[in-house]
């Protein structure tokens, strides 16, 4: 069974959503400097690279990342390819979706990962609030996209996030789907488990295991 690592790596060059903390990785102890062992330190925001959003990201007092249901984060999922000329995933792109609890969108955003040195892109394809509402009504429990937000850049109401999170739909952002085609896979997504802060999100090592080849 082929395994696709769809996690974009955290590094100093990783594009960061505007306003979020920059990622920093440094060596604390080093064998070559005479230390007993190599020890590194990572410092980054919890919405860096491939990550999950928990309900507490936008709704105070709701589930934090360590409380998310692992049964939702692991299981069969559908990858749907969206045409490169589409900048907004709207109702017509999701109205025929049936019988899937986990849904990942591969869009023109995937190509952005080829040039991380260009920094954060604001023109990424996003999910409209209307499409998010349909996904909720269809029983989808996890929604993923191949860039750093499901929300249109510059939104002032965050309705896509709110629509999904108030219904406890887990949001998976920053996926690297460049090597993945549309079809059915097994998703294994394991966000970092930590206690403290607001607990509203976490970087997540995420893989897909191939199950069948079906283009959308």
N, C-alpha and C. Protein backbone atom coordinates (compact mmCIF):
# COMPACT_ATOMS: atom_id res chain seq x y z
N UNK A 1 0.85 -1.19 0.00
CA UNK A 1 0.00 0.00 0.00
C UNK A 1 0.89 1.25 0.00
N UNK A 2 0.73 2.08 -1.03
CA UNK A 2 1.58 3.25 -1.15
C UNK A 2 1.24 4.30 -0.09
N UNK A 3 2.28 4.89 0.49
CA UNK A 3 2.11 5.93 1.50
C UNK A 3 2.54 7.27 0.93
N UNK A 4 1.69 8.26 1.07
CA UNK A 4 2.01 9.64 0.67
C UNK A 4 2.16 10.48 1.92
N UNK A 5 3.32 11.08 2.09
CA UNK A 5 3.52 12.02 3.19
C UNK A 5 3.03 13.39 2.69
N UNK A 6 1.90 13.83 3.21
CA UNK A 6 1.30 15.09 2.74
C UNK A 6 1.51 16.22 3.74
N UNK A 7 2.58 16.07 4.53
CA UNK A 7 2.95 17.08 5.52
C UNK A 7 4.00 18.00 4.93
N UNK A 8 3.74 19.30 4.93
CA UNK A 8 4.78 20.24 4.50
C UNK A 8 5.71 20.48 5.68
N UNK A 9 7.02 20.42 5.47
CA UNK A 9 7.96 20.50 6.60
C UNK A 9 8.04 21.90 7.22
N UNK A 10 8.28 21.90 8.51
CA UNK A 10 8.53 23.15 9.22
C UNK A 10 10.00 23.50 9.11
N UNK A 11 10.28 24.71 8.65
CA UNK A 11 11.66 25.20 8.57
C UNK A 11 11.62 26.72 8.62
N UNK A 12 12.79 27.32 8.62
CA UNK A 12 12.86 28.78 8.60
C UNK A 12 12.33 29.35 7.30
N UNK A 13 12.24 28.51 6.25
CA UNK A 13 11.76 28.96 4.94
C UNK A 13 10.28 28.68 4.72
N UNK A 14 9.63 28.03 5.67
CA UNK A 14 8.22 27.70 5.51
C UNK A 14 7.37 28.96 5.46
N UNK A 15 6.52 29.12 4.44
CA UNK A 15 5.61 30.27 4.42
C UNK A 15 4.71 30.28 5.66
N UNK A 16 4.53 31.45 6.24
CA UNK A 16 3.74 31.60 7.46
C UNK A 16 2.56 32.52 7.17
N UNK A 17 1.39 32.14 7.65
CA UNK A 17 0.21 32.99 7.46
C UNK A 17 0.48 34.37 8.05
N UNK A 18 0.06 35.39 7.32
CA UNK A 18 0.35 36.77 7.71
C UNK A 18 -0.09 37.03 9.16
N UNK A 19 0.85 37.52 9.97
CA UNK A 19 0.58 37.83 11.36
C UNK A 19 0.92 36.73 12.34
N UNK A 20 1.16 35.50 11.85
CA UNK A 20 1.53 34.40 12.74
C UNK A 20 3.02 34.43 13.06
N UNK A 21 3.43 33.76 14.14
CA UNK A 21 4.86 33.75 14.50
C UNK A 21 5.69 33.03 13.45
N UNK A 22 6.88 33.53 13.20
CA UNK A 22 7.81 32.86 12.29
C UNK A 22 8.34 31.59 12.95
N UNK A 23 8.70 30.63 12.12
CA UNK A 23 9.30 29.40 12.64
C UNK A 23 10.79 29.59 12.82
N UNK A 24 11.31 29.06 13.92
CA UNK A 24 12.75 29.13 14.20
C UNK A 24 13.23 27.77 14.68
N UNK A 25 14.26 27.26 14.05
CA UNK A 25 14.87 25.99 14.46
C UNK A 25 16.35 26.24 14.69
N UNK A 26 16.82 25.90 15.87
CA UNK A 26 18.23 26.17 16.17
C UNK A 26 18.85 25.01 16.95
N UNK A 27 20.16 24.95 16.88
CA UNK A 27 20.93 23.95 17.62
C UNK A 27 21.26 24.49 19.00
N UNK A 28 20.90 23.74 20.03
CA UNK A 28 21.19 24.13 21.41
C UNK A 28 22.47 23.47 21.90
N UNK A 29 22.58 22.17 21.70
CA UNK A 29 23.80 21.43 22.02
C UNK A 29 24.27 20.68 20.78
N UNK A 30 25.59 20.51 20.65
CA UNK A 30 26.12 19.89 19.44
C UNK A 30 27.31 19.00 19.77
N UNK A 31 27.30 17.79 19.19
CA UNK A 31 28.42 16.89 19.38
C UNK A 31 29.72 17.50 18.87
N UNK A 32 29.64 18.20 17.75
CA UNK A 32 30.86 18.77 17.17
C UNK A 32 31.44 19.89 18.02
N UNK A 33 30.63 20.42 18.93
CA UNK A 33 31.12 21.44 19.86
C UNK A 33 31.54 20.86 21.20
N UNK A 34 31.52 19.53 21.30
CA UNK A 34 31.95 18.88 22.53
C UNK A 34 30.84 18.56 23.50
N UNK A 35 29.58 18.82 23.13
CA UNK A 35 28.47 18.48 24.01
C UNK A 35 28.22 16.98 23.99
N UNK A 36 27.50 16.49 25.00
CA UNK A 36 27.27 15.05 25.14
C UNK A 36 26.32 14.50 24.07
N UNK A 37 25.49 15.37 23.50
CA UNK A 37 24.51 14.92 22.49
C UNK A 37 24.08 16.11 21.65
N UNK A 38 23.51 15.82 20.49
CA UNK A 38 22.89 16.87 19.68
C UNK A 38 21.49 17.16 20.22
N UNK A 39 21.20 18.44 20.45
CA UNK A 39 19.89 18.85 20.93
C UNK A 39 19.46 20.10 20.15
N UNK A 40 18.30 20.03 19.52
CA UNK A 40 17.78 21.17 18.75
C UNK A 40 16.53 21.73 19.42
N UNK A 41 16.18 22.93 19.02
CA UNK A 41 14.98 23.58 19.55
C UNK A 41 14.14 24.10 18.40
N UNK A 42 12.83 23.85 18.48
CA UNK A 42 11.88 24.35 17.50
C UNK A 42 10.95 25.34 18.18
N UNK A 43 10.76 26.47 17.56
CA UNK A 43 9.81 27.47 18.06
C UNK A 43 8.95 27.92 16.88
N UNK A 44 7.64 27.75 17.01
CA UNK A 44 6.76 28.14 15.91
C UNK A 44 5.34 28.29 16.43
N UNK A 45 4.51 28.96 15.65
CA UNK A 45 3.09 29.03 15.96
C UNK A 45 2.44 27.69 15.70
N UNK A 46 1.31 27.44 16.34
CA UNK A 46 0.67 26.14 16.21
C UNK A 46 -0.07 25.99 14.88
N UNK A 47 -0.14 27.06 14.10
CA UNK A 47 -0.78 26.99 12.77
C UNK A 47 0.28 27.03 11.66
N UNK A 48 1.46 26.51 11.97
CA UNK A 48 2.56 26.48 11.01
C UNK A 48 2.47 25.23 10.14
N UNK A 49 2.73 25.42 8.83
CA UNK A 49 2.77 24.31 7.86
C UNK A 49 1.49 23.48 7.97
N UNK A 50 1.61 22.15 7.90
CA UNK A 50 0.43 21.28 7.98
C UNK A 50 -0.06 21.21 9.42
N UNK A 51 -1.32 21.59 9.64
CA UNK A 51 -1.82 21.70 11.01
C UNK A 51 -3.33 21.51 11.06
N UNK A 52 -3.84 21.25 12.25
CA UNK A 52 -5.28 21.17 12.46
C UNK A 52 -5.76 22.39 13.24
N UNK A 53 -7.01 22.76 12.98
CA UNK A 53 -7.71 23.77 13.79
C UNK A 53 -8.76 23.05 14.62
N UNK A 54 -8.73 23.29 15.92
CA UNK A 54 -9.76 22.79 16.82
C UNK A 54 -10.83 23.86 17.00
N UNK A 55 -12.02 23.50 17.49
CA UNK A 55 -13.08 24.50 17.66
C UNK A 55 -12.67 25.73 18.46
N UNK A 56 -11.78 25.57 19.45
CA UNK A 56 -11.39 26.70 20.29
C UNK A 56 -10.61 27.77 19.53
N UNK A 57 -10.26 27.50 18.27
CA UNK A 57 -9.57 28.50 17.46
C UNK A 57 -10.43 29.75 17.30
N UNK A 58 -11.74 29.56 17.16
CA UNK A 58 -12.64 30.70 16.96
C UNK A 58 -13.80 30.76 17.94
N UNK A 59 -13.99 29.69 18.73
CA UNK A 59 -15.14 29.65 19.63
C UNK A 59 -14.63 29.35 21.04
N UNK A 60 -14.58 30.35 21.88
CA UNK A 60 -14.01 30.23 23.21
C UNK A 60 -14.75 29.19 24.04
N UNK A 61 -13.97 28.38 24.74
CA UNK A 61 -14.55 27.40 25.66
C UNK A 61 -14.94 26.08 25.02
N UNK A 62 -14.61 25.90 23.74
CA UNK A 62 -14.93 24.65 23.06
C UNK A 62 -13.71 23.73 23.04
N UNK A 63 -13.80 22.65 22.29
CA UNK A 63 -12.74 21.63 22.31
C UNK A 63 -11.40 22.19 21.88
N UNK A 64 -10.37 21.76 22.61
CA UNK A 64 -8.98 22.07 22.26
C UNK A 64 -8.36 20.88 21.54
N UNK A 65 -7.17 21.09 21.01
CA UNK A 65 -6.61 20.09 20.11
C UNK A 65 -6.40 18.74 20.80
N UNK A 66 -6.05 18.73 22.08
CA UNK A 66 -5.82 17.45 22.75
C UNK A 66 -7.13 16.71 23.02
N UNK A 67 -8.26 17.37 22.80
CA UNK A 67 -9.56 16.74 23.02
C UNK A 67 -10.21 16.25 21.73
N UNK A 68 -9.55 16.45 20.59
CA UNK A 68 -10.13 16.04 19.32
C UNK A 68 -10.23 14.51 19.24
N UNK A 69 -11.27 14.05 18.56
CA UNK A 69 -11.55 12.62 18.43
C UNK A 69 -10.60 12.00 17.41
N UNK A 70 -9.75 11.09 17.85
CA UNK A 70 -8.82 10.43 16.95
C UNK A 70 -9.54 9.59 15.90
N UNK A 71 -10.76 9.18 16.19
CA UNK A 71 -11.53 8.42 15.21
C UNK A 71 -11.88 9.26 13.98
N UNK A 72 -11.91 10.57 14.15
CA UNK A 72 -12.15 11.47 13.02
C UNK A 72 -10.85 11.71 12.25
N UNK A 73 -9.74 11.74 12.95
CA UNK A 73 -8.44 12.04 12.35
C UNK A 73 -7.82 10.86 11.62
N UNK A 74 -8.39 9.69 11.82
CA UNK A 74 -7.89 8.47 11.17
C UNK A 74 -9.06 7.76 10.51
N UNK A 75 -8.91 7.45 9.22
CA UNK A 75 -9.96 6.71 8.55
C UNK A 75 -10.04 7.04 7.07
N UNK A 76 -11.00 6.45 6.38
CA UNK A 76 -11.14 6.64 4.95
C UNK A 76 -11.47 8.09 4.62
N UNK A 77 -10.83 8.61 3.57
CA UNK A 77 -11.10 9.99 3.15
C UNK A 77 -11.13 10.06 1.63
N UNK A 78 -11.75 11.12 1.15
CA UNK A 78 -11.81 11.40 -0.28
C UNK A 78 -10.97 12.62 -0.59
N UNK A 79 -10.16 12.52 -1.64
CA UNK A 79 -9.44 13.68 -2.17
C UNK A 79 -10.14 14.11 -3.45
N UNK A 80 -10.55 15.36 -3.49
CA UNK A 80 -11.23 15.90 -4.66
C UNK A 80 -10.34 16.96 -5.30
N UNK A 81 -10.11 16.80 -6.59
CA UNK A 81 -9.31 17.77 -7.32
C UNK A 81 -10.22 18.87 -7.88
N UNK A 82 -9.83 20.10 -7.60
CA UNK A 82 -10.57 21.27 -8.05
C UNK A 82 -9.80 21.91 -9.20
N UNK A 83 -10.50 22.27 -10.26
CA UNK A 83 -9.86 22.84 -11.45
C UNK A 83 -8.99 24.04 -11.10
N UNK A 84 -7.88 24.18 -11.82
CA UNK A 84 -6.90 25.22 -11.53
C UNK A 84 -7.44 26.64 -11.71
N UNK A 85 -8.52 26.79 -12.46
CA UNK A 85 -9.06 28.15 -12.65
C UNK A 85 -10.06 28.56 -11.57
N UNK A 86 -10.25 27.70 -10.56
CA UNK A 86 -11.20 27.98 -9.49
C UNK A 86 -10.48 28.63 -8.31
N UNK A 87 -10.93 29.78 -7.89
CA UNK A 87 -10.33 30.46 -6.74
C UNK A 87 -11.17 30.33 -5.48
N UNK A 88 -12.42 29.86 -5.62
CA UNK A 88 -13.28 29.69 -4.46
C UNK A 88 -14.06 28.39 -4.61
N UNK A 89 -13.94 27.50 -3.63
CA UNK A 89 -14.72 26.27 -3.62
C UNK A 89 -16.10 26.62 -3.11
N UNK A 90 -17.08 26.54 -4.00
CA UNK A 90 -18.43 27.00 -3.68
C UNK A 90 -19.41 25.82 -3.70
N UNK A 91 -20.68 26.14 -3.62
CA UNK A 91 -21.71 25.11 -3.46
C UNK A 91 -21.70 24.10 -4.60
N UNK A 92 -21.46 24.56 -5.82
CA UNK A 92 -21.51 23.63 -6.96
C UNK A 92 -20.40 22.59 -6.93
N UNK A 93 -19.35 22.85 -6.14
CA UNK A 93 -18.25 21.91 -6.06
C UNK A 93 -18.48 20.83 -5.00
N UNK A 94 -19.47 21.01 -4.15
CA UNK A 94 -19.67 20.08 -3.03
C UNK A 94 -21.07 19.48 -2.98
N UNK A 95 -21.99 19.96 -3.81
CA UNK A 95 -23.38 19.52 -3.68
C UNK A 95 -23.59 18.06 -4.03
N UNK A 96 -22.68 17.46 -4.81
CA UNK A 96 -22.84 16.05 -5.17
C UNK A 96 -22.06 15.11 -4.25
N UNK A 97 -21.37 15.65 -3.28
CA UNK A 97 -20.60 14.82 -2.36
C UNK A 97 -21.53 14.00 -1.48
N UNK A 98 -21.26 12.72 -1.38
CA UNK A 98 -22.08 11.84 -0.55
C UNK A 98 -21.20 10.82 0.17
N UNK A 99 -21.64 10.44 1.35
CA UNK A 99 -21.08 9.29 2.07
C UNK A 99 -19.58 9.41 2.31
N UNK A 100 -19.15 10.58 2.74
CA UNK A 100 -17.75 10.72 3.15
C UNK A 100 -17.68 11.57 4.41
N UNK A 101 -16.90 11.11 5.37
CA UNK A 101 -16.73 11.85 6.62
C UNK A 101 -15.49 12.73 6.59
N UNK A 102 -14.55 12.40 5.70
CA UNK A 102 -13.30 13.13 5.63
C UNK A 102 -13.06 13.53 4.18
N UNK A 103 -12.79 14.82 3.98
CA UNK A 103 -12.72 15.35 2.63
C UNK A 103 -11.54 16.30 2.51
N UNK A 104 -10.67 16.05 1.53
CA UNK A 104 -9.52 16.91 1.29
C UNK A 104 -9.63 17.49 -0.11
N UNK A 105 -9.36 18.79 -0.22
CA UNK A 105 -9.42 19.46 -1.52
C UNK A 105 -8.01 19.73 -2.04
N UNK A 106 -7.76 19.23 -3.26
CA UNK A 106 -6.52 19.56 -3.95
C UNK A 106 -6.84 20.64 -4.99
N UNK A 107 -6.19 21.79 -4.87
CA UNK A 107 -6.48 22.93 -5.72
C UNK A 107 -5.19 23.45 -6.36
N UNK A 108 -5.30 24.59 -7.02
CA UNK A 108 -4.12 25.24 -7.58
C UNK A 108 -3.13 25.65 -6.50
N UNK A 109 -3.60 25.66 -5.23
CA UNK A 109 -2.70 26.00 -4.12
C UNK A 109 -1.50 25.07 -4.04
N UNK A 110 -1.69 23.81 -4.44
CA UNK A 110 -0.61 22.83 -4.31
C UNK A 110 0.67 23.30 -4.98
N UNK A 111 0.52 24.00 -6.10
CA UNK A 111 1.70 24.49 -6.82
C UNK A 111 2.46 25.55 -6.02
N UNK A 112 1.80 26.20 -5.09
CA UNK A 112 2.49 27.23 -4.29
C UNK A 112 3.65 26.64 -3.49
N UNK A 113 3.50 25.36 -3.12
CA UNK A 113 4.56 24.72 -2.32
C UNK A 113 5.84 24.51 -3.11
N UNK A 114 5.79 24.66 -4.44
CA UNK A 114 7.00 24.54 -5.25
C UNK A 114 7.94 25.73 -5.07
N UNK A 115 7.40 26.83 -4.56
CA UNK A 115 8.19 28.06 -4.42
C UNK A 115 8.00 28.67 -3.04
N UNK A 116 8.37 27.95 -1.99
CA UNK A 116 8.16 28.49 -0.63
C UNK A 116 8.97 29.75 -0.37
N UNK A 117 10.06 29.92 -1.14
CA UNK A 117 10.90 31.11 -0.94
C UNK A 117 10.18 32.40 -1.29
N UNK A 118 9.07 32.29 -2.00
CA UNK A 118 8.30 33.50 -2.34
C UNK A 118 7.42 33.96 -1.17
N UNK A 119 7.39 33.17 -0.11
CA UNK A 119 6.65 33.58 1.08
C UNK A 119 5.17 33.31 0.99
N UNK A 120 4.42 33.86 1.93
CA UNK A 120 2.99 33.63 2.05
C UNK A 120 2.24 34.23 0.87
N UNK A 121 1.32 33.43 0.30
CA UNK A 121 0.47 33.87 -0.80
C UNK A 121 -0.91 34.23 -0.27
N UNK A 122 -1.44 35.37 -0.70
CA UNK A 122 -2.77 35.78 -0.26
C UNK A 122 -3.86 35.41 -1.27
N UNK A 123 -3.47 34.92 -2.45
CA UNK A 123 -4.43 34.63 -3.50
C UNK A 123 -4.80 33.15 -3.55
N UNK A 124 -4.76 32.48 -2.42
CA UNK A 124 -5.02 31.05 -2.38
C UNK A 124 -6.52 30.74 -2.56
N UNK A 125 -6.79 29.56 -3.09
CA UNK A 125 -8.15 29.06 -3.21
C UNK A 125 -8.68 28.71 -1.82
N UNK A 126 -9.92 29.07 -1.55
CA UNK A 126 -10.52 28.91 -0.22
C UNK A 126 -11.89 28.25 -0.35
N UNK A 127 -12.52 27.98 0.78
CA UNK A 127 -13.86 27.39 0.83
C UNK A 127 -14.85 28.46 1.27
N UNK A 128 -15.91 28.65 0.52
CA UNK A 128 -16.91 29.65 0.89
C UNK A 128 -17.73 29.17 2.08
N UNK A 129 -18.31 30.09 2.85
CA UNK A 129 -19.18 29.69 3.96
C UNK A 129 -20.37 28.85 3.50
N UNK A 130 -20.90 29.15 2.32
CA UNK A 130 -22.04 28.39 1.81
C UNK A 130 -21.67 26.94 1.53
N UNK A 131 -20.46 26.74 0.98
CA UNK A 131 -19.98 25.38 0.75
C UNK A 131 -19.73 24.66 2.07
N UNK A 132 -19.20 25.40 3.03
CA UNK A 132 -18.95 24.81 4.35
C UNK A 132 -20.25 24.33 4.98
N UNK A 133 -21.31 25.11 4.82
CA UNK A 133 -22.60 24.73 5.39
C UNK A 133 -23.13 23.44 4.76
N UNK A 134 -22.97 23.30 3.46
CA UNK A 134 -23.39 22.07 2.79
C UNK A 134 -22.60 20.88 3.31
N UNK A 135 -21.29 21.06 3.50
CA UNK A 135 -20.47 19.97 4.02
C UNK A 135 -20.95 19.54 5.41
N UNK A 136 -21.30 20.50 6.23
CA UNK A 136 -21.85 20.18 7.55
C UNK A 136 -23.13 19.36 7.41
N UNK A 137 -24.02 19.81 6.54
CA UNK A 137 -25.30 19.14 6.34
C UNK A 137 -25.13 17.73 5.80
N UNK A 138 -24.05 17.49 5.06
CA UNK A 138 -23.79 16.17 4.49
C UNK A 138 -23.04 15.26 5.47
N UNK A 139 -22.75 15.75 6.66
CA UNK A 139 -22.14 14.90 7.67
C UNK A 139 -20.63 14.79 7.60
N UNK A 140 -19.99 15.68 6.85
CA UNK A 140 -18.53 15.67 6.80
C UNK A 140 -17.98 16.09 8.17
N UNK A 141 -16.98 15.37 8.66
CA UNK A 141 -16.46 15.63 10.01
C UNK A 141 -15.03 16.18 10.00
N UNK A 142 -14.38 16.11 8.85
CA UNK A 142 -13.04 16.68 8.69
C UNK A 142 -12.91 17.24 7.29
N UNK A 143 -12.41 18.47 7.18
CA UNK A 143 -12.21 19.12 5.90
C UNK A 143 -10.78 19.61 5.82
N UNK A 144 -10.08 19.26 4.72
CA UNK A 144 -8.70 19.69 4.55
C UNK A 144 -8.51 20.44 3.25
N UNK A 145 -7.48 21.29 3.22
CA UNK A 145 -7.15 22.06 2.02
C UNK A 145 -5.64 22.20 1.93
N UNK A 146 -5.18 22.47 0.72
CA UNK A 146 -3.74 22.46 0.42
C UNK A 146 -3.07 23.83 0.53
N UNK A 147 -3.53 24.65 1.47
CA UNK A 147 -2.80 25.86 1.83
C UNK A 147 -3.13 26.21 3.26
N UNK A 148 -2.74 27.38 3.71
CA UNK A 148 -2.71 27.67 5.13
C UNK A 148 -4.03 28.10 5.75
N UNK A 149 -5.09 28.19 4.96
CA UNK A 149 -6.39 28.50 5.53
C UNK A 149 -7.50 28.05 4.60
N UNK A 150 -8.63 27.66 5.20
CA UNK A 150 -9.83 27.39 4.42
C UNK A 150 -10.60 28.67 4.14
N UNK A 151 -10.21 29.74 4.82
CA UNK A 151 -10.94 31.01 4.77
C UNK A 151 -10.35 31.94 3.73
N UNK A 152 -11.19 32.71 3.06
CA UNK A 152 -10.71 33.72 2.13
C UNK A 152 -9.81 34.70 2.86
N UNK A 153 -8.66 35.03 2.24
CA UNK A 153 -7.75 35.97 2.89
C UNK A 153 -8.43 37.33 3.01
N UNK A 154 -8.31 37.93 4.19
CA UNK A 154 -8.90 39.24 4.43
C UNK A 154 -10.32 39.19 4.95
N UNK A 155 -10.86 37.98 5.16
CA UNK A 155 -12.22 37.88 5.69
C UNK A 155 -12.31 38.58 7.04
N UNK A 156 -13.43 39.27 7.27
CA UNK A 156 -13.62 39.92 8.56
C UNK A 156 -14.70 39.27 9.41
N UNK A 157 -15.32 38.19 8.87
CA UNK A 157 -16.34 37.50 9.67
C UNK A 157 -15.99 36.04 9.95
N UNK A 158 -15.02 35.48 9.23
CA UNK A 158 -14.51 34.12 9.46
C UNK A 158 -15.63 33.08 9.46
N UNK A 159 -16.60 33.28 8.56
CA UNK A 159 -17.78 32.42 8.55
C UNK A 159 -17.47 30.98 8.14
N UNK A 160 -16.47 30.78 7.28
CA UNK A 160 -16.13 29.40 6.92
C UNK A 160 -15.63 28.64 8.14
N UNK A 161 -14.69 29.24 8.87
CA UNK A 161 -14.20 28.61 10.09
C UNK A 161 -15.34 28.39 11.09
N UNK A 162 -16.13 29.42 11.32
CA UNK A 162 -17.19 29.33 12.33
C UNK A 162 -18.23 28.27 11.96
N UNK A 163 -18.59 28.21 10.68
CA UNK A 163 -19.57 27.22 10.24
C UNK A 163 -19.08 25.81 10.52
N UNK A 164 -17.82 25.55 10.22
CA UNK A 164 -17.27 24.22 10.43
C UNK A 164 -17.02 23.93 11.91
N UNK A 165 -16.37 24.86 12.59
CA UNK A 165 -15.94 24.59 13.96
C UNK A 165 -17.09 24.53 14.95
N UNK A 166 -18.13 25.32 14.75
CA UNK A 166 -19.26 25.25 15.69
C UNK A 166 -19.98 23.91 15.59
N UNK A 167 -19.78 23.23 14.48
CA UNK A 167 -20.34 21.89 14.31
C UNK A 167 -19.29 20.79 14.54
N UNK A 168 -18.18 21.18 15.14
CA UNK A 168 -17.08 20.28 15.51
C UNK A 168 -16.51 19.54 14.31
N UNK A 169 -16.49 20.20 13.16
CA UNK A 169 -15.78 19.68 12.00
C UNK A 169 -14.31 20.07 12.14
N UNK A 170 -13.43 19.10 12.15
CA UNK A 170 -12.00 19.38 12.26
C UNK A 170 -11.50 19.96 10.95
N UNK A 171 -10.71 21.02 11.04
CA UNK A 171 -10.13 21.65 9.85
C UNK A 171 -8.66 21.27 9.77
N UNK A 172 -8.25 20.80 8.60
CA UNK A 172 -6.87 20.39 8.35
C UNK A 172 -6.32 21.28 7.23
N UNK A 173 -5.33 22.10 7.56
CA UNK A 173 -4.81 23.10 6.63
C UNK A 173 -3.32 22.87 6.36
N UNK A 174 -2.85 23.44 5.24
CA UNK A 174 -1.44 23.34 4.91
C UNK A 174 -1.01 22.00 4.37
N UNK A 175 -1.92 21.26 3.76
CA UNK A 175 -1.58 19.96 3.19
C UNK A 175 -0.71 20.11 1.95
N UNK A 176 0.20 19.18 1.77
CA UNK A 176 1.02 19.14 0.57
C UNK A 176 0.52 17.98 -0.29
N UNK A 177 -0.35 18.29 -1.25
CA UNK A 177 -0.99 17.27 -2.07
C UNK A 177 -0.41 17.20 -3.47
N UNK A 178 0.79 17.69 -3.66
CA UNK A 178 1.38 17.74 -4.99
C UNK A 178 1.48 16.36 -5.64
N UNK A 179 1.73 15.34 -4.86
CA UNK A 179 1.94 14.00 -5.42
C UNK A 179 0.68 13.13 -5.36
N UNK A 180 -0.42 13.73 -4.98
CA UNK A 180 -1.64 12.97 -4.75
C UNK A 180 -2.67 13.27 -5.83
N UNK A 181 -3.32 12.24 -6.33
CA UNK A 181 -4.43 12.39 -7.28
C UNK A 181 -5.75 12.23 -6.54
N UNK A 182 -6.82 12.68 -7.19
CA UNK A 182 -8.13 12.48 -6.62
C UNK A 182 -8.43 11.01 -6.42
N UNK A 183 -9.14 10.68 -5.38
CA UNK A 183 -9.47 9.29 -5.12
C UNK A 183 -9.76 9.03 -3.65
N UNK A 184 -9.78 7.76 -3.30
CA UNK A 184 -10.08 7.33 -1.94
C UNK A 184 -8.80 6.84 -1.27
N UNK A 185 -8.58 7.31 -0.06
CA UNK A 185 -7.36 6.99 0.69
C UNK A 185 -7.72 6.70 2.14
N UNK A 186 -6.75 6.21 2.88
CA UNK A 186 -6.82 6.20 4.33
C UNK A 186 -6.02 7.38 4.84
N UNK A 187 -6.66 8.21 5.64
CA UNK A 187 -6.01 9.36 6.26
C UNK A 187 -5.52 8.99 7.65
N UNK A 188 -4.28 9.36 7.93
CA UNK A 188 -3.74 9.25 9.29
C UNK A 188 -3.16 10.61 9.64
N UNK A 189 -3.81 11.33 10.53
CA UNK A 189 -3.42 12.69 10.91
C UNK A 189 -3.26 12.74 12.41
N UNK A 190 -2.04 13.02 12.88
CA UNK A 190 -1.75 13.01 14.31
C UNK A 190 -1.20 14.36 14.74
N UNK A 191 -2.07 15.25 15.21
CA UNK A 191 -1.61 16.56 15.67
C UNK A 191 -0.80 16.45 16.96
N UNK A 192 0.13 17.37 17.11
CA UNK A 192 0.93 17.43 18.33
C UNK A 192 0.02 17.57 19.55
N UNK A 193 0.25 16.75 20.56
CA UNK A 193 -0.55 16.80 21.79
C UNK A 193 0.19 17.63 22.83
N UNK A 194 -0.41 18.70 23.23
CA UNK A 194 0.21 19.58 24.23
C UNK A 194 -0.89 20.19 25.10
N UNK A 195 -0.50 20.67 26.25
CA UNK A 195 -1.42 21.34 27.17
C UNK A 195 -0.88 22.74 27.44
N UNK A 196 -1.74 23.74 27.33
CA UNK A 196 -1.31 25.11 27.58
C UNK A 196 -1.74 26.03 26.46
N UNK A 197 -1.58 27.32 26.68
CA UNK A 197 -2.04 28.28 25.70
C UNK A 197 -3.54 28.14 25.51
N UNK A 198 -3.99 28.37 24.30
CA UNK A 198 -5.41 28.20 23.99
C UNK A 198 -5.73 26.83 23.43
N UNK A 199 -4.70 26.10 23.02
CA UNK A 199 -4.92 24.74 22.53
C UNK A 199 -5.79 24.67 21.29
N UNK A 200 -5.74 25.75 20.49
CA UNK A 200 -6.68 25.85 19.37
C UNK A 200 -6.22 25.20 18.08
N UNK A 201 -5.00 24.71 18.06
CA UNK A 201 -4.48 24.08 16.86
C UNK A 201 -3.15 23.43 17.13
N UNK A 202 -2.65 22.69 16.15
CA UNK A 202 -1.35 22.05 16.33
C UNK A 202 -0.81 21.57 14.99
N UNK A 203 0.51 21.66 14.80
CA UNK A 203 1.12 20.99 13.64
C UNK A 203 0.79 19.50 13.67
N UNK A 204 0.63 18.90 12.49
CA UNK A 204 0.19 17.50 12.44
C UNK A 204 0.94 16.74 11.35
N UNK A 205 1.63 15.69 11.74
CA UNK A 205 2.20 14.79 10.74
C UNK A 205 1.05 14.03 10.10
N UNK A 206 0.93 14.15 8.81
CA UNK A 206 -0.24 13.63 8.11
C UNK A 206 0.18 12.80 6.91
N UNK A 207 -0.40 11.62 6.80
CA UNK A 207 -0.11 10.76 5.65
C UNK A 207 -1.41 10.26 5.05
N UNK A 208 -1.32 9.88 3.77
CA UNK A 208 -2.41 9.20 3.09
C UNK A 208 -1.90 7.85 2.62
N UNK A 209 -2.73 6.83 2.79
CA UNK A 209 -2.41 5.51 2.25
C UNK A 209 -3.39 5.20 1.14
N UNK A 210 -2.85 4.78 0.00
CA UNK A 210 -3.65 4.59 -1.20
C UNK A 210 -4.64 3.46 -1.05
N UNK A 211 -5.91 3.73 -1.47
CA UNK A 211 -6.92 2.69 -1.45
C UNK A 211 -7.48 2.42 -2.84
N UNK A 212 -7.77 3.48 -3.62
CA UNK A 212 -8.25 3.27 -4.98
C UNK A 212 -8.04 4.52 -5.78
N UNK A 213 -8.08 4.42 -7.06
CA UNK A 213 -7.83 5.55 -7.98
C UNK A 213 -9.15 6.01 -8.58
N UNK A 214 -9.66 7.14 -8.10
CA UNK A 214 -10.91 7.68 -8.64
C UNK A 214 -10.75 9.19 -8.78
N UNK A 215 -10.77 9.70 -10.00
CA UNK A 215 -10.65 11.13 -10.22
C UNK A 215 -12.01 11.77 -10.09
N UNK A 216 -12.03 12.99 -9.48
CA UNK A 216 -13.27 13.72 -9.32
C UNK A 216 -13.65 14.40 -10.62
